Amino acid sequence: MDKPTVGSLFTGIGGFDLGFERAGFEIEWQVEIDPYCRKVLERHFPNAKRFNDVRECGAHNLEP
């Protein structure tokens, strides 16, 4: 069975994402503008697609 997936806006350092991951979800994408937070996310969620600015992402490039 496939894991349910989650996308994350205004992710910060991924606290909610970590909770979802521990509950069995897979994090597909994250959007976070802060460079420090993105470094933390890269380390903890290496397989998630990341975007720097919520204004630059949308249905055309986000997984459902």
C-alpha atoms as a PDB file:
ATOM      1  CA  MET A   1       0.000   0.000   0.000  1.00  0.00           C
ATOM      2  CA  ASP A   2       1.265   3.489  -0.873  1.00  0.00           C
ATOM      3  CA  LYS A   3       1.772   6.015   1.873  1.00  0.00           C
ATOM      4  CA  PRO A   4      -0.516   9.050   1.926  1.00  0.00           C
ATOM      5  CA  THR A   5       1.330  12.194   0.860  1.00  0.00           C
ATOM      6  CA  VAL A   6       1.550  15.734   2.198  1.00  0.00           C
ATOM      7  CA  GLY A   7       2.653  19.069   0.768  1.00  0.00           C
ATOM      8  CA  SER A   8       3.711  21.842   3.107  1.00  0.00           C
ATOM      9  CA  LEU A   9       3.374  25.631   2.771  1.00  0.00           C
ATOM     10  CA  PHE A  10       5.302  28.025   5.059  1.00  0.00           C
ATOM     11  CA  THR A  11       7.156  24.979   6.381  1.00  0.00           C
ATOM     12  CA  GLY A  12       9.588  26.596   8.821  1.00  0.00           C
ATOM     13  CA  ILE A  13      11.944  23.884  10.081  1.00  0.00           C
ATOM     14  CA  GLY A  14       9.396  21.141   9.433  1.00  0.00           C
ATOM     15  CA  GLY A  15       7.827  20.478  12.829  1.00  0.00           C
ATOM     16  CA  PHE A  16       4.408  19.646  11.408  1.00  0.00           C
ATOM     17  CA  ASP A  17       6.050  17.700   8.577  1.00  0.00           C
ATOM     18  CA  LEU A  18       7.951  15.596  11.099  1.00  0.00           C
ATOM     19  CA  GLY A  19       4.677  14.789  12.854  1.00  0.00           C
ATOM     20  CA  PHE A  20       3.057  13.778   9.571  1.00  0.00           C
ATOM     21  CA  GLU A  21       6.073  11.654   8.667  1.00  0.00           C
ATOM     22  CA  ARG A  22       5.956   9.871  12.019  1.00  0.00           C
ATOM     23  CA  ALA A  23       2.244   9.242  11.462  1.00  0.00           C
ATOM     24  CA  GLY A  24       3.051   7.415   8.227  1.00  0.00           C
ATOM     25  CA  PHE A  25       2.765  10.165   5.620  1.00  0.00           C
ATOM     26  CA  GLU A  26       5.336  10.939   2.948  1.00  0.00           C
ATOM     27  CA  ILE A  27       6.361  14.581   2.511  1.00  0.00           C
ATOM     28  CA  GLU A  28       6.222  15.354  -1.229  1.00  0.00           C
ATOM     29  CA  TRP A  29       7.009  19.081  -1.297  1.00  0.00           C
ATOM     30  CA  GLN A  30       7.756  22.033   0.962  1.00  0.00           C
ATOM     31  CA  VAL A  31       7.705  25.802   0.517  1.00  0.00           C
ATOM     32  CA  GLU A  32       9.908  27.933   2.775  1.00  0.00           C
ATOM     33  CA  ILE A  33      11.528  31.309   2.073  1.00  0.00           C
ATOM     34  CA  ASP A  34      14.029  31.397   4.967  1.00  0.00           C
ATOM     35  CA  PRO A  35      17.482  30.084   3.910  1.00  0.00           C
ATOM     36  CA  TYR A  36      18.340  28.698   7.358  1.00  0.00           C
ATOM     37  CA  CYS A  37      15.066  26.789   7.560  1.00  0.00           C
ATOM     38  CA  ARG A  38      15.626  25.384   4.059  1.00  0.00           C
ATOM     39  CA  LYS A  39      19.021  24.012   5.174  1.00  0.00           C
ATOM     40  CA  VAL A  40      17.331  22.232   8.085  1.00  0.00           C
ATOM     41  CA  LEU A  41      14.649  20.871   5.740  1.00  0.00           C
ATOM     42  CA  GLU A  42      17.250  19.610   3.252  1.00  0.00           C
ATOM     43  CA  ARG A  43      18.872  17.609   6.002  1.00  0.00           C
ATOM     44  CA  HIS A  44      15.713  16.102   7.494  1.00  0.00           C
ATOM     45  CA  PHE A  45      13.634  15.683   4.320  1.00  0.00           C
ATOM     46  CA  PRO A  46      16.139  14.950   1.530  1.00  0.00           C
ATOM     47  CA  ASN A  47      13.525  13.473  -0.830  1.00  0.00           C
ATOM     48  CA  ALA A  48      11.026  16.335  -0.666  1.00  0.00           C
ATOM     49  CA  LYS A  49      10.874  18.808  -3.520  1.00  0.00           C
ATOM     50  CA  ARG A  50      11.486  22.311  -2.161  1.00  0.00           C
ATOM     51  CA  PHE A  51      10.441  25.757  -3.328  1.00  0.00           C
ATOM     52  CA  ASN A  52      11.814  29.047  -2.024  1.00  0.00           C
ATOM     53  CA  ASP A  53       8.795  31.287  -2.493  1.00  0.00           C
ATOM     54  CA  VAL A  54       5.084  30.525  -2.291  1.00  0.00           C
ATOM     55  CA  ARG A  55       4.497  33.052  -5.087  1.00  0.00           C
ATOM     56  CA  GLU A  56       6.560  30.914  -7.478  1.00  0.00           C
ATOM     57  CA  CYS A  57       4.827  27.587  -6.943  1.00  0.00           C
ATOM     58  CA  GLY A  58       1.366  26.432  -7.819  1.00  0.00           C
ATOM     59  CA  ALA A  59      -0.703  23.632  -9.313  1.00  0.00           C
ATOM     60  CA  HIS A  60       1.533  23.604 -12.394  1.00  0.00           C
ATOM     61  CA  ASN A  61       4.575  22.332 -10.436  1.00  0.00           C
ATOM     62  CA  LEU A  62       3.236  20.802  -7.197  1.00  0.00           C
ATOM     63  CA  GLU A  63       2.298  17.160  -6.795  1.00  0.00           C
ATOM     64  CA  PRO A  64      -1.395  16.707  -5.937  1.00  0.00           C
END
